[in-house]
Amino acid sequence: MKKGAKLIEKRIRDLKEKGDIPFIPYITCWDPDLETTSAILWELAEIEPACIELGFPFSDPVADGPTIQKAVVRALKNKPDFSAFFEFIEKLNQNKYPIPIVCMTYYNIIYRFGLEKTVESALASGLSGFIIADLPIEEAGPWLKANKGKGLATIFLAAPTSPEERIKKIAKKSSGFLYYVSLTGITGARDKLPDDVVERLKMVKNQSLIPVAVGFGISKPEHVKMLSPYTDAIIIGSAIVKIVEDKEKKAPKEIKKFLKSLK
């Protein structure tokens, strides 16, 4: 069975080929507790997303807007631990969890835990890869070296301000998929997406041999309808996290209902 980056790439392509919309939902681990996180993940599995972004809470989430910042604050009350995160992933996989999971976090967490130790723990747990939100390609050498030949996805972010030449470099370093950020600024649901997002997506896809997923601000069926012909996958984060904030223990089924409505 394919693992990590190759598995994610294959799932995105297979779903797209079937005429499905490959979704990549984001939730914060331990928000509001690990039991709810687990329940949400099992509900999400039923709508067959391409993969799932599971955020490991970090005290200074610079890429995130107020909704995810509040989720991180709620999660941090549980004193999350990186070893416990990998144990949680391992338990899911022992129970035959069917969807690849990538960890979305910040470099400080990985650096302090140890690069090689992070790679070894991820592989042992069955985690499929990482999105390290504050790690640019210029600083990624040590991480890429630690992961070389291991197969874990390393998903880099490309901004709307990134020139074409830089997009090409980001695409070459990325594995699993390339994460295109639809707007300048931080995460958060928006009423309207930038006017040039479709043209930018066309350009990014031309520069990338791996799938391109678009995220930031997507929260409505009309957003999905507009973007799906021009992207390989759609990332939904803050709109889901807001449901966790509002519904708490009832969030798992509400999130599934919301994502079905977007489809």
C-alpha atoms as a PDB file:
ATOM      1  CA  MET A   1       0.000   0.000   0.000  1.00  0.00           C
ATOM      2  CA  LYS A   2       1.209   3.486  -0.851  1.00  0.00           C
ATOM      3  CA  LYS A   3       2.013   5.711   2.123  1.00  0.00           C
ATOM      4  CA  GLY A   4       2.484   9.381   2.831  1.00  0.00           C
ATOM      5  CA  ALA A   5       2.938  11.719  -0.106  1.00  0.00           C
ATOM      6  CA  LYS A   6       2.162   9.145  -2.826  1.00  0.00           C
ATOM      7  CA  LEU A   7      -1.024   8.030  -1.074  1.00  0.00           C
ATOM      8  CA  ILE A   8      -2.302  11.607  -0.801  1.00  0.00           C
ATOM      9  CA  GLU A   9      -1.469  12.392  -4.438  1.00  0.00           C
ATOM     10  CA  LYS A  10      -3.238   9.221  -5.581  1.00  0.00           C
ATOM     11  CA  ARG A  11      -6.355   9.902  -3.484  1.00  0.00           C
ATOM     12  CA  ILE A  12      -6.683  13.450  -4.816  1.00  0.00           C
ATOM     13  CA  ARG A  13      -6.320  12.272  -8.427  1.00  0.00           C
ATOM     14  CA  ASP A  14      -8.672   9.296  -7.987  1.00  0.00           C
ATOM     15  CA  LEU A  15     -11.415  11.432  -6.399  1.00  0.00           C
ATOM     16  CA  LYS A  16     -11.064  14.079  -9.096  1.00  0.00           C
ATOM     17  CA  GLU A  17     -11.232  11.414 -11.816  1.00  0.00           C
ATOM     18  CA  LYS A  18     -14.473  10.080 -10.312  1.00  0.00           C
ATOM     19  CA  GLY A  19     -15.971  13.559 -10.671  1.00  0.00           C
ATOM     20  CA  ASP A  20     -15.926  14.106  -6.910  1.00  0.00           C
ATOM     21  CA  ILE A  21     -14.704  17.292  -5.220  1.00  0.00           C
ATOM     22  CA  PRO A  22     -11.612  16.349  -3.189  1.00  0.00           C
ATOM     23  CA  PHE A  23     -11.993  18.125   0.156  1.00  0.00           C
ATOM     24  CA  ILE A  24      -9.229  18.566   2.722  1.00  0.00           C
ATOM     25  CA  PRO A  25     -10.858  19.524   6.059  1.00  0.00           C
ATOM     26  CA  TYR A  26      -8.840  21.081   8.882  1.00  0.00           C
ATOM     27  CA  ILE A  27      -9.491  20.697  12.607  1.00  0.00           C
ATOM     28  CA  THR A  28      -7.363  21.457  15.661  1.00  0.00           C
ATOM     29  CA  CYS A  29      -6.409  18.427  17.740  1.00  0.00           C
ATOM     30  CA  TRP A  30      -7.603  18.603  21.386  1.00  0.00           C
ATOM     31  CA  ASP A  31     -10.296  21.180  20.510  1.00  0.00           C
ATOM     32  CA  PRO A  32     -12.164  21.077  22.839  1.00  0.00           C
ATOM     33  CA  ASP A  33     -10.768  17.654  23.863  1.00  0.00           C
ATOM     34  CA  LEU A  34      -9.271  14.515  22.326  1.00  0.00           C
ATOM     35  CA  GLU A  35     -12.542  12.564  22.527  1.00  0.00           C
ATOM     36  CA  THR A  36     -14.310  15.170  20.347  1.00  0.00           C
ATOM     37  CA  THR A  37     -11.357  15.282  17.934  1.00  0.00           C
ATOM     38  CA  SER A  38     -11.643  11.513  17.493  1.00  0.00           C
ATOM     39  CA  ALA A  39     -15.414  11.690  16.962  1.00  0.00           C
ATOM     40  CA  ILE A  40     -14.999  14.439  14.320  1.00  0.00           C
ATOM     41  CA  LEU A  41     -12.326  12.433  12.478  1.00  0.00           C
ATOM     42  CA  TRP A  42     -14.563   9.347  12.247  1.00  0.00           C
ATOM     43  CA  GLU A  43     -17.491  11.447  10.976  1.00  0.00           C
ATOM     44  CA  LEU A  44     -15.209  13.142   8.431  1.00  0.00           C
ATOM     45  CA  ALA A  45     -14.056   9.738   7.165  1.00  0.00           C
ATOM     46  CA  GLU A  46     -17.618   9.033   6.007  1.00  0.00           C
ATOM     47  CA  ILE A  47     -17.559  11.864   3.446  1.00  0.00           C
ATOM     48  CA  GLU A  48     -14.283  10.486   2.012  1.00  0.00           C
ATOM     49  CA  PRO A  49     -12.025  13.558   1.996  1.00  0.00           C
ATOM     50  CA  ALA A  50      -8.724  13.410   0.106  1.00  0.00           C
ATOM     51  CA  CYS A  51      -6.901  13.742   3.419  1.00  0.00           C
ATOM     52  CA  ILE A  52      -7.332  15.586   6.700  1.00  0.00           C
ATOM     53  CA  GLU A  53      -5.251  18.394   8.177  1.00  0.00           C
ATOM     54  CA  LEU A  54      -4.980  17.863  11.911  1.00  0.00           C
ATOM     55  CA  GLY A  55      -3.533  20.897  13.644  1.00  0.00           C
ATOM     56  CA  PHE A  56      -1.090  20.416  16.490  1.00  0.00           C
ATOM     57  CA  PRO A  57      -1.656  23.441  18.770  1.00  0.00           C
ATOM     58  CA  PHE A  58       1.091  26.061  18.933  1.00  0.00           C
ATOM     59  CA  SER A  59       0.997  29.125  21.176  1.00  0.00           C
ATOM     60  CA  ASP A  60       1.880  31.573  18.383  1.00  0.00           C
ATOM     61  CA  PRO A  61      -0.074  30.487  15.267  1.00  0.00           C
ATOM     62  CA  VAL A  62       0.992  33.376  13.021  1.00  0.00           C
ATOM     63  CA  ALA A  63      -0.781  32.119   9.874  1.00  0.00           C
ATOM     64  CA  ASP A  64      -4.128  31.746  11.601  1.00  0.00           C
ATOM     65  CA  GLY A  65      -7.012  34.125  12.107  1.00  0.00           C
ATOM     66  CA  PRO A  66      -9.211  34.588  15.199  1.00  0.00           C
ATOM     67  CA  THR A  67     -11.329  31.441  14.718  1.00  0.00           C
ATOM     68  CA  ILE A  68      -8.383  29.034  14.686  1.00  0.00           C
ATOM     69  CA  GLN A  69      -6.500  31.104  17.288  1.00  0.00           C
ATOM     70  CA  LYS A  70      -9.429  30.566  19.669  1.00  0.00           C
ATOM     71  CA  ALA A  71      -9.405  26.840  18.854  1.00  0.00           C
ATOM     72  CA  VAL A  72      -5.696  26.715  19.718  1.00  0.00           C
ATOM     73  CA  VAL A  73      -6.363  28.447  23.060  1.00  0.00           C
ATOM     74  CA  ARG A  74      -9.076  25.869  23.858  1.00  0.00           C
ATOM     75  CA  ALA A  75      -6.770  23.022  22.834  1.00  0.00           C
ATOM     76  CA  LEU A  76      -3.787  24.304  24.838  1.00  0.00           C
ATOM     77  CA  LYS A  77      -5.844  24.027  28.046  1.00  0.00           C
ATOM     78  CA  ASN A  78      -5.485  20.246  27.608  1.00  0.00           C
ATOM     79  CA  LYS A  79      -1.662  20.538  27.716  1.00  0.00           C
ATOM     80  CA  PRO A  80      -1.078  18.809  24.364  1.00  0.00           C
ATOM     81  CA  ASP A  81       2.139  16.902  23.910  1.00  0.00           C
ATOM     82  CA  PHE A  82       3.745  15.927  20.575  1.00  0.00           C
ATOM     83  CA  SER A  83       4.399  12.339  21.711  1.00  0.00           C
ATOM     84  CA  ALA A  84       0.734  12.054  22.713  1.00  0.00           C
ATOM     85  CA  PHE A  85      -0.234  13.384  19.267  1.00  0.00           C
ATOM     86  CA  PHE A  86       1.640  10.534  17.562  1.00  0.00           C
ATOM     87  CA  GLU A  87       0.121   8.024  20.004  1.00  0.00           C
ATOM     88  CA  PHE A  88      -3.324   9.345  19.061  1.00  0.00           C
ATOM     89  CA  ILE A  89      -2.578   8.915  15.324  1.00  0.00           C
ATOM     90  CA  GLU A  90      -1.212   5.404  15.951  1.00  0.00           C
ATOM     91  CA  LYS A  91      -4.377   4.405  17.821  1.00  0.00           C
ATOM     92  CA  LEU A  92      -6.537   5.696  14.951  1.00  0.00           C
ATOM     93  CA  ASN A  93      -4.535   3.634  12.469  1.00  0.00           C
ATOM     94  CA  GLN A  94      -4.678   0.550  14.680  1.00  0.00           C
ATOM     95  CA  ASN A  95      -8.459   0.941  14.382  1.00  0.00           C
ATOM     96  CA  LYS A  96      -8.060   1.064  10.569  1.00  0.00           C
ATOM     97  CA  TYR A  97      -8.717   4.764  10.072  1.00  0.00           C
ATOM     98  CA  PRO A  98      -9.229   5.012   6.280  1.00  0.00           C
ATOM     99  CA  ILE A  99      -8.134   8.591   5.491  1.00  0.00           C
ATOM    100  CA  PRO A 100      -4.541   9.924   5.330  1.00  0.00           C
ATOM    101  CA  ILE A 101      -3.823  12.518   8.027  1.00  0.00           C
ATOM    102  CA  VAL A 102      -1.277  15.323   7.768  1.00  0.00           C
ATOM    103  CA  CYS A 103      -0.115  17.333  10.762  1.00  0.00           C
ATOM    104  CA  MET A 104      -0.394  21.095  10.372  1.00  0.00           C
ATOM    105  CA  THR A 105       1.888  22.869  12.836  1.00  0.00           C
ATOM    106  CA  TYR A 106       4.805  25.309  13.192  1.00  0.00           C
ATOM    107  CA  TYR A 107       8.523  24.652  12.940  1.00  0.00           C
ATOM    108  CA  ASN A 108       9.253  25.428  16.589  1.00  0.00           C
ATOM    109  CA  ILE A 109       7.293  22.331  17.660  1.00  0.00           C
ATOM    110  CA  ILE A 110       9.197  20.042  15.277  1.00  0.00           C
ATOM    111  CA  TYR A 111      12.597  21.632  15.942  1.00  0.00           C
ATOM    112  CA  ARG A 112      12.276  21.233  19.715  1.00  0.00           C
ATOM    113  CA  PHE A 113      11.043  17.644  19.411  1.00  0.00           C
ATOM    114  CA  GLY A 114      13.898  16.837  17.005  1.00  0.00           C
ATOM    115  CA  LEU A 115      13.704  16.505  13.223  1.00  0.00           C
ATOM    116  CA  GLU A 116      14.734  12.847  12.999  1.00  0.00           C
ATOM    117  CA  LYS A 117      12.594  11.954  16.013  1.00  0.00           C
ATOM    118  CA  THR A 118       9.596  13.684  14.394  1.00  0.00           C
ATOM    119  CA  VAL A 119      10.069  11.724  11.147  1.00  0.00           C
ATOM    120  CA  GLU A 120      10.517   8.417  13.007  1.00  0.00           C
ATOM    121  CA  SER A 121       7.477   9.052  15.228  1.00  0.00           C
ATOM    122  CA  ALA A 122       5.336  10.063  12.244  1.00  0.00           C
ATOM    123  CA  LEU A 123       6.282   6.933  10.295  1.00  0.00           C
ATOM    124  CA  ALA A 124       5.691   4.665  13.301  1.00  0.00           C
ATOM    125  CA  SER A 125       2.260   6.208  13.930  1.00  0.00           C
ATOM    126  CA  GLY A 126       1.087   6.063  10.304  1.00  0.00           C
ATOM    127  CA  LEU A 127       0.897   9.842   9.863  1.00  0.00           C
ATOM    128  CA  SER A 128       1.078  10.776   6.167  1.00  0.00           C
ATOM    129  CA  GLY A 129       2.925  14.093   6.280  1.00  0.00           C
ATOM    130  CA  PHE A 130       3.288  17.677   7.470  1.00  0.00           C
ATOM    131  CA  ILE A 131       2.262  21.209   6.667  1.00  0.00           C
ATOM    132  CA  ILE A 132       4.740  23.437   8.521  1.00  0.00           C
ATOM    133  CA  ALA A 133       3.060  26.814   8.165  1.00  0.00           C
ATOM    134  CA  ASP A 134       6.038  29.060   8.943  1.00  0.00           C
ATOM    135  CA  LEU A 135       8.752  27.059   7.131  1.00  0.00           C
ATOM    136  CA  PRO A 136       9.764  28.641   3.790  1.00  0.00           C
ATOM    137  CA  ILE A 137      11.605  26.533   1.205  1.00  0.00           C
ATOM    138  CA  GLU A 138      14.838  28.505   1.775  1.00  0.00           C
ATOM    139  CA  GLU A 139      14.967  27.319   5.411  1.00  0.00           C
ATOM    140  CA  ALA A 140      13.651  23.804   4.818  1.00  0.00           C
ATOM    141  CA  GLY A 141      16.952  22.011   4.030  1.00  0.00           C
ATOM    142  CA  PRO A 142      17.412  20.270   7.418  1.00  0.00           C
ATOM    143  CA  TRP A 143      13.780  19.101   7.477  1.00  0.00           C
ATOM    144  CA  LEU A 144      13.863  17.821   3.884  1.00  0.00           C
ATOM    145  CA  LYS A 145      17.136  16.016   4.628  1.00  0.00           C
ATOM    146  CA  ALA A 146      15.611  14.312   7.700  1.00  0.00           C
ATOM    147  CA  ASN A 147      12.638  13.187   5.596  1.00  0.00           C
ATOM    148  CA  LYS A 148      14.630  12.213   2.479  1.00  0.00           C
ATOM    149  CA  GLY A 149      13.505   8.852   1.139  1.00  0.00           C
ATOM    150  CA  LYS A 150      11.002   8.383   3.981  1.00  0.00           C
ATOM    151  CA  GLY A 151       7.911   9.190   1.916  1.00  0.00           C
ATOM    152  CA  LEU A 152       6.210  11.626   4.290  1.00  0.00           C
ATOM    153  CA  ALA A 153       4.454  14.473   2.496  1.00  0.00           C
ATOM    154  CA  THR A 154       5.974  17.924   2.990  1.00  0.00           C
ATOM    155  CA  ILE A 155       3.352  20.402   1.877  1.00  0.00           C
ATOM    156  CA  PHE A 156       4.614  23.935   1.304  1.00  0.00           C
ATOM    157  CA  LEU A 157       2.436  27.025   1.011  1.00  0.00           C
ATOM    158  CA  ALA A 158       2.438  29.364  -1.984  1.00  0.00           C
ATOM    159  CA  ALA A 159       1.062  32.876  -1.561  1.00  0.00           C
ATOM    160  CA  PRO A 160      -0.944  35.044  -3.988  1.00  0.00           C
ATOM    161  CA  THR A 161       2.059  37.401  -3.973  1.00  0.00           C
ATOM    162  CA  SER A 162       4.515  34.651  -5.010  1.00  0.00           C
ATOM    163  CA  PRO A 163       5.947  35.233  -8.509  1.00  0.00           C
ATOM    164  CA  GLU A 164       5.767  32.439 -11.085  1.00  0.00           C
ATOM    165  CA  GLU A 165       9.440  31.477 -10.681  1.00  0.00           C
ATOM    166  CA  ARG A 166       9.036  31.052  -6.926  1.00  0.00           C
ATOM    167  CA  ILE A 167       5.844  28.987  -7.390  1.00  0.00           C
ATOM    168  CA  LYS A 168       7.874  26.635  -9.602  1.00  0.00           C
ATOM    169  CA  LYS A 169      10.499  26.214  -6.832  1.00  0.00           C
ATOM    170  CA  ILE A 170       7.822  25.610  -4.168  1.00  0.00           C
ATOM    171  CA  ALA A 171       6.148  22.995  -6.383  1.00  0.00           C
ATOM    172  CA  LYS A 172       9.459  21.144  -6.837  1.00  0.00           C
ATOM    173  CA  LYS A 173      10.085  20.985  -3.081  1.00  0.00           C
ATOM    174  CA  SER A 174       6.491  20.010  -2.167  1.00  0.00           C
ATOM    175  CA  SER A 175       5.126  16.473  -1.999  1.00  0.00           C
ATOM    176  CA  GLY A 176       1.567  15.250  -1.487  1.00  0.00           C
ATOM    177  CA  PHE A 177       0.147  18.502  -2.794  1.00  0.00           C
ATOM    178  CA  LEU A 178       1.023  22.155  -3.095  1.00  0.00           C
ATOM    179  CA  TYR A 179      -1.039  24.398  -0.794  1.00  0.00           C
ATOM    180  CA  TYR A 180      -2.080  27.559  -2.637  1.00  0.00           C
ATOM    181  CA  VAL A 181      -3.216  30.322  -0.276  1.00  0.00           C
ATOM    182  CA  SER A 182      -6.122  32.056  -2.006  1.00  0.00           C
ATOM    183  CA  LEU A 183      -5.687  35.442  -0.330  1.00  0.00           C
ATOM    184  CA  THR A 184      -3.145  37.594   1.452  1.00  0.00           C
ATOM    185  CA  GLY A 185      -3.448  37.619   5.225  1.00  0.00           C
ATOM    186  CA  ILE A 186      -4.532  35.024   7.760  1.00  0.00           C
ATOM    187  CA  THR A 187      -6.976  32.116   7.771  1.00  0.00           C
ATOM    188  CA  GLY A 188     -10.686  32.775   8.249  1.00  0.00           C
ATOM    189  CA  ALA A 189     -13.993  32.350   6.427  1.00  0.00           C
ATOM    190  CA  ARG A 190     -14.682  35.144   3.904  1.00  0.00           C
ATOM    191  CA  ASP A 191     -17.797  36.278   2.039  1.00  0.00           C
ATOM    192  CA  LYS A 192     -15.823  36.965  -1.119  1.00  0.00           C
ATOM    193  CA  LEU A 193     -12.626  35.534  -2.573  1.00  0.00           C
ATOM    194  CA  PRO A 194     -10.115  37.626  -4.567  1.00  0.00           C
ATOM    195  CA  ASP A 195     -11.095  38.468  -8.160  1.00  0.00           C
ATOM    196  CA  ASP A 196      -7.872  37.027  -9.582  1.00  0.00           C
ATOM    197  CA  VAL A 197      -7.938  33.703  -7.686  1.00  0.00           C
ATOM    198  CA  VAL A 198      -8.966  31.647 -10.748  1.00  0.00           C
ATOM    199  CA  GLU A 199      -6.236  33.140 -12.971  1.00  0.00           C
ATOM    200  CA  ARG A 200      -3.663  32.600 -10.237  1.00  0.00           C
ATOM    201  CA  LEU A 201      -4.757  28.990  -9.779  1.00  0.00           C
ATOM    202  CA  LYS A 202      -4.379  28.325 -13.515  1.00  0.00           C
ATOM    203  CA  MET A 203      -0.818  29.664 -13.346  1.00  0.00           C
ATOM    204  CA  VAL A 204       0.047  27.634 -10.227  1.00  0.00           C
ATOM    205  CA  LYS A 205      -1.300  24.420 -11.764  1.00  0.00           C
ATOM    206  CA  ASN A 206       0.836  25.046 -14.860  1.00  0.00           C
ATOM    207  CA  GLN A 207       3.938  25.141 -12.643  1.00  0.00           C
ATOM    208  CA  SER A 208       3.183  22.051 -10.553  1.00  0.00           C
ATOM    209  CA  LEU A 209       3.553  18.361 -11.372  1.00  0.00           C
ATOM    210  CA  ILE A 210       1.787  17.410  -8.133  1.00  0.00           C
ATOM    211  CA  PRO A 211      -1.828  18.238  -7.190  1.00  0.00           C
ATOM    212  CA  VAL A 212      -2.659  21.802  -6.167  1.00  0.00           C
ATOM    213  CA  ALA A 213      -5.069  22.447  -3.278  1.00  0.00           C
ATOM    214  CA  VAL A 214      -6.507  25.869  -2.499  1.00  0.00           C
ATOM    215  CA  GLY A 215      -7.337  27.117   0.983  1.00  0.00           C
ATOM    216  CA  PHE A 216      -8.011  30.218   3.160  1.00  0.00           C
ATOM    217  CA  GLY A 217     -11.399  31.887   3.191  1.00  0.00           C
ATOM    218  CA  ILE A 218     -13.470  29.113   1.553  1.00  0.00           C
ATOM    219  CA  SER A 219     -16.769  28.669   3.354  1.00  0.00           C
ATOM    220  CA  LYS A 220     -19.688  28.651   0.876  1.00  0.00           C
ATOM    221  CA  PRO A 221     -21.051  26.364  -1.869  1.00  0.00           C
ATOM    222  CA  GLU A 222     -20.527  29.182  -4.410  1.00  0.00           C
ATOM    223  CA  HIS A 223     -16.812  29.320  -3.479  1.00  0.00           C
ATOM    224  CA  VAL A 224     -16.531  25.571  -4.111  1.00  0.00           C
ATOM    225  CA  LYS A 225     -18.436  25.843  -7.393  1.00  0.00           C
ATOM    226  CA  MET A 226     -16.187  28.669  -8.594  1.00  0.00           C
ATOM    227  CA  LEU A 227     -12.885  26.997  -7.621  1.00  0.00           C
ATOM    228  CA  SER A 228     -13.415  23.284  -8.246  1.00  0.00           C
ATOM    229  CA  PRO A 229     -12.831  23.380 -12.045  1.00  0.00           C
ATOM    230  CA  TYR A 230      -9.429  25.061 -11.511  1.00  0.00           C
ATOM    231  CA  THR A 231      -8.005  23.198  -8.505  1.00  0.00           C
ATOM    232  CA  ASP A 232      -7.301  19.582  -7.553  1.00  0.00           C
ATOM    233  CA  ALA A 233      -8.584  19.894  -3.972  1.00  0.00           C
ATOM    234  CA  ILE A 234     -10.293  22.391  -1.695  1.00  0.00           C
ATOM    235  CA  ILE A 235      -9.172  23.052   1.888  1.00  0.00           C
ATOM    236  CA  ILE A 236     -11.815  24.048   4.443  1.00  0.00           C
ATOM    237  CA  GLY A 237     -10.606  25.152   7.868  1.00  0.00           C
ATOM    238  CA  SER A 238     -12.061  28.087   9.797  1.00  0.00           C
ATOM    239  CA  ALA A 239     -15.671  27.374   8.774  1.00  0.00           C
ATOM    240  CA  ILE A 240     -15.327  23.880  10.310  1.00  0.00           C
ATOM    241  CA  VAL A 241     -13.500  25.111  13.418  1.00  0.00           C
ATOM    242  CA  LYS A 242     -16.314  27.652  14.015  1.00  0.00           C
ATOM    243  CA  ILE A 243     -18.773  24.739  14.180  1.00  0.00           C
ATOM    244  CA  VAL A 244     -16.594  23.136  16.880  1.00  0.00           C
ATOM    245  CA  GLU A 245     -16.677  26.426  18.790  1.00  0.00           C
ATOM    246  CA  ASP A 246     -20.462  26.783  18.487  1.00  0.00           C
ATOM    247  CA  LYS A 247     -21.620  23.167  18.802  1.00  0.00           C
ATOM    248  CA  GLU A 248     -18.889  21.536  20.931  1.00  0.00           C
ATOM    249  CA  LYS A 249     -19.960  17.891  21.535  1.00  0.00           C
ATOM    250  CA  LYS A 250     -22.560  18.117  18.758  1.00  0.00           C
ATOM    251  CA  ALA A 251     -19.924  19.331  16.294  1.00  0.00           C
ATOM    252  CA  PRO A 252     -19.013  15.986  14.651  1.00  0.00           C
ATOM    253  CA  LYS A 253     -22.385  15.422  12.947  1.00  0.00           C
ATOM    254  CA  GLU A 254     -22.844  19.156  12.219  1.00  0.00           C
ATOM    255  CA  ILE A 255     -19.469  19.271  10.442  1.00  0.00           C
ATOM    256  CA  LYS A 256     -20.388  16.284   8.283  1.00  0.00           C
ATOM    257  CA  LYS A 257     -23.702  17.968   7.391  1.00  0.00           C
ATOM    258  CA  PHE A 258     -21.906  21.250   6.534  1.00  0.00           C
ATOM    259  CA  LEU A 259     -19.359  19.582   4.237  1.00  0.00           C
ATOM    260  CA  LYS A 260     -22.109  17.646   2.466  1.00  0.00           C
ATOM    261  CA  SER A 261     -23.897  20.956   1.853  1.00  0.00           C
ATOM    262  CA  LEU A 262     -20.709  22.374   0.272  1.00  0.00           C
ATOM    263  CA  LYS A 263     -20.475  19.336  -2.023  1.00  0.00           C
END
